[in-house]
Amino acid sequence: MKFKFDRHTRRKLLSHTVAVLSGLTVIAVLYPLVSIVYEAVIRGGGVLFQWTFLTAKPPNACDVVSCSTVGIGPAIQGSLLVVAIASLIAVPVGLMAAILASEYRTRGFGRAVSFTADVLTGVPSIIMGAFVWGYFVLYDPSIAESVIAGGIALSAIMTPIVARTTEEALRTVPNAMREAAIALGISKWKMTLRIVLIAALPGIATGVLLAVMRAMGEAAPLLLTLGYTTNYNHSLLQPAAALPVLIYTFAESNYSNQQEVAWGATLFLLMFILAANILSRYMIHRLSQRMSGGA
């Protein structure tokens, strides 16, 4: 016995099939994230909400049941320092590269910059760390395993991200704005800085945010450049702790108190990135509304 479906039934069946497959795909994508958050809350929530966890130093190895877990204060300080230095380097360089690639694309050098940024975006982060270690640390041993070396390594990761996202943001600015500015006698570089960049500011801010959040979670390049210490940093030429490096180091530990600190640091990093994303997106949304004349 053969079943025959009319056109309406086939379309309805196809629609339901695609909806089910889409739902399964969403579940498959969300499951790793939900699983990581769940494990971090279960294993690290107990230490994260202690008053001293965010300011105290990491614990020494201990295999006694009542071992102290102390905190991740030096790692928070180190992460903020190294990302701040990386941002000071990557944001201006990325913006200039994006302007050259977008506004001066007719020249061969602008196209080369765009292609190079595309390639560098896909380079593994450990390669960036090895590059900085080979071309900076070996030639200047004074910055070996220091905050400066770690910042340079993260800036090598952030720069192509800022360049590519800024380039795309600049291309969304209507050409009519450029033509109107040129018609009024404004030079091209003034038009780019005072009109095009301002109009693309929400997109640029989104790209910078993406680069900063990427740098906050990177451990591989810092293993070769930043070093590691359990103390607070007092000089940019000295080693420092960082949250990803601390998580990597303590996760491999055989001692329960350090493993608990690793899970607590993981939960803190997840909450920090989530809060920073929510706050930044709200500010970018308000900026977009203000620039478009909204409420």
Protein backbone atom coordinates (compact mmCIF):
# COMPACT_ATOMS: atom_id res chain seq x y z
CA MET A 1 0.00 0.00 0.00
CA LYS A 2 1.48 3.31 -1.07
CA PHE A 3 0.96 6.53 0.82
CA LYS A 4 0.59 9.63 -1.27
CA PHE A 5 1.08 13.11 0.15
CA ASP A 6 -0.23 16.20 -1.50
CA ARG A 7 1.90 19.32 -1.82
CA HIS A 8 0.54 20.92 1.37
CA THR A 9 1.24 17.80 3.44
CA ARG A 10 4.78 17.51 2.11
CA ARG A 11 5.50 21.13 2.90
CA LYS A 12 4.09 20.74 6.39
CA LEU A 13 6.14 17.59 7.00
CA LEU A 14 9.28 19.28 5.72
CA SER A 15 8.62 22.30 7.93
CA HIS A 16 8.23 20.13 11.05
CA THR A 17 11.35 18.15 10.17
CA VAL A 18 13.45 21.29 9.77
CA ALA A 19 12.05 22.70 13.04
CA VAL A 20 12.98 19.52 14.93
CA LEU A 21 16.47 19.44 13.42
CA SER A 22 16.96 23.11 14.27
CA GLY A 23 15.89 22.47 17.86
CA LEU A 24 18.30 19.54 18.16
CA THR A 25 21.10 21.71 16.76
CA VAL A 26 20.40 24.42 19.34
CA ILE A 27 20.48 21.82 22.11
CA ALA A 28 23.76 20.41 20.79
CA VAL A 29 25.29 23.90 20.78
CA LEU A 30 24.00 24.90 24.23
CA TYR A 31 24.80 21.62 25.99
CA PRO A 32 28.58 22.21 26.33
CA LEU A 33 28.00 25.73 27.67
CA VAL A 34 25.33 24.64 30.15
CA SER A 35 27.47 21.68 31.21
CA ILE A 36 30.52 23.87 31.85
CA VAL A 37 28.50 26.42 33.83
CA TYR A 38 26.83 23.65 35.85
CA GLU A 39 30.13 21.98 36.71
CA ALA A 40 31.70 25.32 37.62
CA VAL A 41 28.81 26.23 39.90
CA ILE A 42 28.77 22.82 41.61
CA ARG A 43 32.54 22.54 42.08
CA GLY A 44 33.56 26.18 42.45
CA GLY A 45 30.51 27.97 43.81
CA GLY A 46 31.42 27.12 47.39
CA VAL A 47 34.72 29.01 47.29
CA LEU A 48 33.72 31.86 44.94
CA PHE A 49 31.26 33.37 47.40
CA GLN A 50 33.77 33.54 50.25
CA TRP A 51 34.66 37.11 51.16
CA THR A 52 38.42 36.66 50.77
CA PHE A 53 38.40 34.58 47.59
CA LEU A 54 38.75 37.58 45.25
CA THR A 55 41.59 39.20 47.19
CA ALA A 56 43.62 36.45 48.90
CA LYS A 57 46.60 34.63 47.39
CA PRO A 58 46.31 31.13 45.88
CA PRO A 59 46.82 28.18 48.24
CA ASN A 60 49.78 25.90 48.62
CA ALA A 61 49.35 22.24 47.79
CA CYS A 62 47.62 20.33 50.57
CA ASP A 63 46.04 16.88 50.75
CA VAL A 64 44.36 17.24 54.14
CA VAL A 65 40.55 17.42 54.25
CA SER A 66 40.56 20.80 56.03
CA CYS A 67 43.03 22.49 53.65
CA SER A 68 42.57 26.21 53.02
CA THR A 69 41.43 27.31 49.56
CA VAL A 70 42.24 31.02 49.95
CA GLY A 71 41.79 33.04 46.72
CA ILE A 72 42.68 34.34 43.25
CA GLY A 73 43.54 37.99 43.93
CA PRO A 74 46.94 38.04 42.15
CA ALA A 75 45.43 36.29 39.11
CA ILE A 76 42.69 38.92 38.80
CA GLN A 77 45.26 41.71 39.05
CA GLY A 78 47.53 40.05 36.50
CA SER A 79 44.73 39.45 33.99
CA LEU A 80 43.59 43.06 34.18
CA LEU A 81 47.15 44.37 33.77
CA VAL A 82 48.09 42.19 30.82
CA VAL A 83 44.79 42.79 28.99
CA ALA A 84 45.07 46.54 29.57
CA ILE A 85 48.58 46.61 28.04
CA ALA A 86 47.41 44.45 25.14
CA SER A 87 44.47 46.80 24.51
CA LEU A 88 46.71 49.88 24.54
CA ILE A 89 48.74 48.26 21.76
CA ALA A 90 46.09 46.42 19.76
CA VAL A 91 43.28 48.98 19.58
CA PRO A 92 45.23 51.86 17.94
CA VAL A 93 47.11 49.51 15.60
CA GLY A 94 43.93 47.64 14.68
CA LEU A 95 42.04 50.88 14.02
CA MET A 96 44.77 52.23 11.76
CA ALA A 97 44.99 48.94 9.88
CA ALA A 98 41.21 48.90 9.41
CA ILE A 99 41.16 52.48 8.12
CA LEU A 100 43.90 51.65 5.64
CA ALA A 101 42.12 48.48 4.49
CA SER A 102 38.66 50.05 4.21
CA GLU A 103 39.17 53.67 3.18
CA TYR A 104 42.30 53.20 1.04
CA ARG A 105 41.46 49.79 -0.39
CA THR A 106 42.15 50.88 -3.96
CA ARG A 107 45.81 50.83 -3.11
CA GLY A 108 47.53 47.45 -3.09
CA PHE A 109 48.86 47.91 0.43
CA GLY A 110 45.35 48.28 1.85
CA ARG A 111 44.27 44.99 0.31
CA ALA A 112 47.39 43.31 1.65
CA VAL A 113 46.57 44.53 5.16
CA SER A 114 43.03 43.14 4.91
CA PHE A 115 44.31 39.76 3.68
CA THR A 116 46.96 39.62 6.41
CA ALA A 117 44.38 40.36 9.11
CA ASP A 118 42.22 37.53 7.75
CA VAL A 119 45.12 35.10 7.94
CA LEU A 120 46.25 36.19 11.42
CA THR A 121 42.73 35.80 12.81
CA GLY A 122 42.95 32.05 12.21
CA VAL A 123 46.48 31.54 13.54
CA PRO A 124 46.53 29.43 16.76
CA SER A 125 47.18 31.49 19.87
CA ILE A 126 50.15 29.37 20.93
CA ILE A 127 51.88 30.42 17.69
CA MET A 128 51.41 34.06 18.69
CA GLY A 129 53.01 33.30 22.05
CA ALA A 130 55.93 31.56 20.37
CA PHE A 131 56.32 34.51 17.97
CA VAL A 132 56.53 37.03 20.82
CA TRP A 133 58.85 34.76 22.78
CA GLY A 134 61.15 34.35 19.78
CA TYR A 135 61.23 37.94 18.52
CA PHE A 136 60.97 39.93 21.73
CA VAL A 137 61.89 37.88 24.77
CA LEU A 138 65.00 36.26 23.28
CA TYR A 139 66.29 39.61 21.99
CA ASP A 140 65.49 41.44 25.23
CA PRO A 141 65.86 39.11 28.23
CA SER A 142 64.83 41.92 30.58
CA ILE A 143 61.17 41.39 29.61
CA ALA A 144 61.30 37.58 29.78
CA GLU A 145 58.30 36.26 31.72
CA SER A 146 56.82 39.67 32.46
CA VAL A 147 53.55 41.56 32.17
CA ILE A 148 54.92 43.48 29.18
CA ALA A 149 55.76 40.27 27.30
CA GLY A 150 52.31 38.85 28.08
CA GLY A 151 50.65 42.05 26.91
CA ILE A 152 52.56 41.97 23.62
CA ALA A 153 51.53 38.34 23.10
CA LEU A 154 47.84 39.09 23.69
CA SER A 155 48.03 42.20 21.49
CA ALA A 156 49.17 39.97 18.62
CA ILE A 157 45.90 38.06 19.05
CA MET A 158 43.71 41.12 19.53
CA THR A 159 45.04 43.26 16.67
CA PRO A 160 43.69 41.23 13.71
CA ILE A 161 40.32 40.85 15.45
CA VAL A 162 40.04 44.61 16.00
CA ALA A 163 41.21 45.26 12.43
CA ARG A 164 38.71 42.90 10.77
CA THR A 165 35.67 43.92 12.84
CA THR A 166 36.49 47.61 12.48
CA GLU A 167 36.95 47.22 8.73
CA GLU A 168 33.50 45.64 8.43
CA ALA A 169 32.01 48.38 10.62
CA LEU A 170 33.55 51.08 8.43
CA ARG A 171 32.12 49.48 5.31
CA THR A 172 28.60 49.73 6.72
CA VAL A 173 28.84 53.53 6.71
CA PRO A 174 26.91 54.79 3.64
CA ASN A 175 29.05 56.22 0.87
CA ALA A 176 26.66 59.17 0.72
CA MET A 177 28.18 60.46 3.97
CA ARG A 178 31.66 60.30 2.49
CA GLU A 179 30.57 61.98 -0.74
CA ALA A 180 28.78 64.75 1.15
CA ALA A 181 31.87 65.46 3.26
CA ILE A 182 34.14 65.51 0.21
CA ALA A 183 31.71 67.84 -1.58
CA LEU A 184 31.97 70.28 1.33
CA GLY A 185 35.73 70.43 0.85
CA ILE A 186 36.77 68.26 3.80
CA SER A 187 39.99 66.36 3.24
CA LYS A 188 39.78 62.59 3.19
CA TRP A 189 41.69 61.98 6.40
CA LYS A 190 39.53 64.48 8.31
CA MET A 191 36.40 62.93 6.84
CA THR A 192 37.57 59.48 7.93
CA LEU A 193 38.42 60.49 11.48
CA ARG A 194 35.58 62.91 12.20
CA ILE A 195 32.68 61.39 10.26
CA VAL A 196 33.23 57.77 9.22
CA LEU A 197 34.81 56.61 12.47
CA ILE A 198 32.11 58.32 14.55
CA ALA A 199 29.34 56.78 12.45
CA ALA A 200 30.90 53.30 12.82
CA LEU A 201 31.59 53.68 16.55
CA PRO A 202 29.02 51.09 17.77
CA GLY A 203 30.45 48.44 15.46
CA ILE A 204 34.01 49.36 16.44
CA ALA A 205 33.13 49.09 20.13
CA THR A 206 31.65 45.64 19.52
CA GLY A 207 34.85 44.50 17.80
CA VAL A 208 37.05 45.83 20.60
CA LEU A 209 34.83 44.08 23.16
CA LEU A 210 35.13 40.81 21.23
CA ALA A 211 38.92 41.12 21.16
CA VAL A 212 39.15 41.91 24.88
CA MET A 213 36.95 38.96 25.85
CA ARG A 214 39.04 36.69 23.63
CA ALA A 215 42.22 37.90 25.33
CA MET A 216 40.77 37.44 28.83
CA GLY A 217 40.37 33.71 28.24
CA GLU A 218 43.69 33.00 26.52
CA ALA A 219 46.22 30.86 28.38
CA ALA A 220 48.48 29.40 25.66
CA PRO A 221 50.46 32.57 24.74
CA LEU A 222 50.82 33.55 28.40
CA LEU A 223 52.45 30.24 29.28
CA LEU A 224 55.47 31.31 27.20
CA THR A 225 55.58 35.01 28.04
CA LEU A 226 53.86 35.98 31.30
CA GLY A 227 55.31 33.40 33.67
CA TYR A 228 53.48 32.54 36.89
CA THR A 229 53.59 33.61 40.51
CA THR A 230 51.31 33.34 43.52
CA ASN A 231 52.12 36.89 44.66
CA TYR A 232 50.75 40.26 43.59
CA ASN A 233 52.65 41.96 40.80
CA HIS A 234 54.59 45.16 41.59
CA SER A 235 56.40 45.74 38.30
CA LEU A 236 55.57 45.38 34.62
CA LEU A 237 58.96 43.71 34.14
CA GLN A 238 58.15 40.90 36.58
CA PRO A 239 56.04 37.73 36.16
CA ALA A 240 52.39 37.81 37.12
CA ALA A 241 49.52 35.43 37.57
CA ALA A 242 46.56 35.35 35.19
CA LEU A 243 43.20 33.65 35.53
CA PRO A 244 43.57 31.30 32.52
CA VAL A 245 47.09 30.29 33.58
CA LEU A 246 45.98 29.74 37.18
CA ILE A 247 43.06 27.59 35.99
CA TYR A 248 45.39 25.56 33.76
CA THR A 249 47.98 25.11 36.52
CA PHE A 250 45.59 24.20 39.32
CA ALA A 251 43.38 22.00 37.13
CA GLU A 252 46.38 19.72 36.61
CA SER A 253 47.12 19.62 40.34
CA ASN A 254 46.59 16.41 42.31
CA TYR A 255 45.46 18.36 45.38
CA SER A 256 41.77 18.96 46.03
CA ASN A 257 42.11 22.48 47.45
CA GLN A 258 43.89 23.73 44.29
CA GLN A 259 41.37 21.98 42.04
CA GLU A 260 38.56 23.72 43.93
CA VAL A 261 40.27 27.07 43.40
CA ALA A 262 40.56 26.28 39.68
CA TRP A 263 36.81 25.69 39.46
CA GLY A 264 36.11 28.85 41.46
CA ALA A 265 38.35 30.85 39.12
CA THR A 266 36.55 29.29 36.13
CA LEU A 267 33.17 30.36 37.50
CA PHE A 268 34.46 33.87 38.24
CA LEU A 269 35.88 34.22 34.71
CA LEU A 270 32.59 33.07 33.18
CA MET A 271 30.58 35.50 35.33
CA PHE A 272 32.99 38.36 34.61
CA ILE A 273 32.85 37.86 30.84
CA LEU A 274 29.05 37.52 30.93
CA ALA A 275 28.63 40.68 33.02
CA ALA A 276 31.08 42.62 30.83
CA ASN A 277 29.23 41.53 27.69
CA ILE A 278 25.82 42.50 29.06
CA LEU A 279 27.02 45.91 30.30
CA SER A 280 28.97 46.67 27.12
CA ARG A 281 26.12 45.66 24.82
CA TYR A 282 23.74 47.86 26.80
CA MET A 283 26.10 50.82 26.48
CA ILE A 284 26.62 50.14 22.76
CA HIS A 285 22.83 49.94 22.28
CA ARG A 286 22.35 53.26 24.06
CA LEU A 287 25.13 54.79 21.96
CA SER A 288 23.51 53.54 18.75
CA GLN A 289 20.17 55.01 19.80
CA ARG A 290 21.75 58.36 20.64
CA MET A 291 23.63 58.52 17.34
CA SER A 292 20.50 57.62 15.37
CA GLY A 293 18.46 60.27 17.18
CA GLY A 294 16.42 57.78 19.21
CA ALA A 295 15.29 58.10 22.78
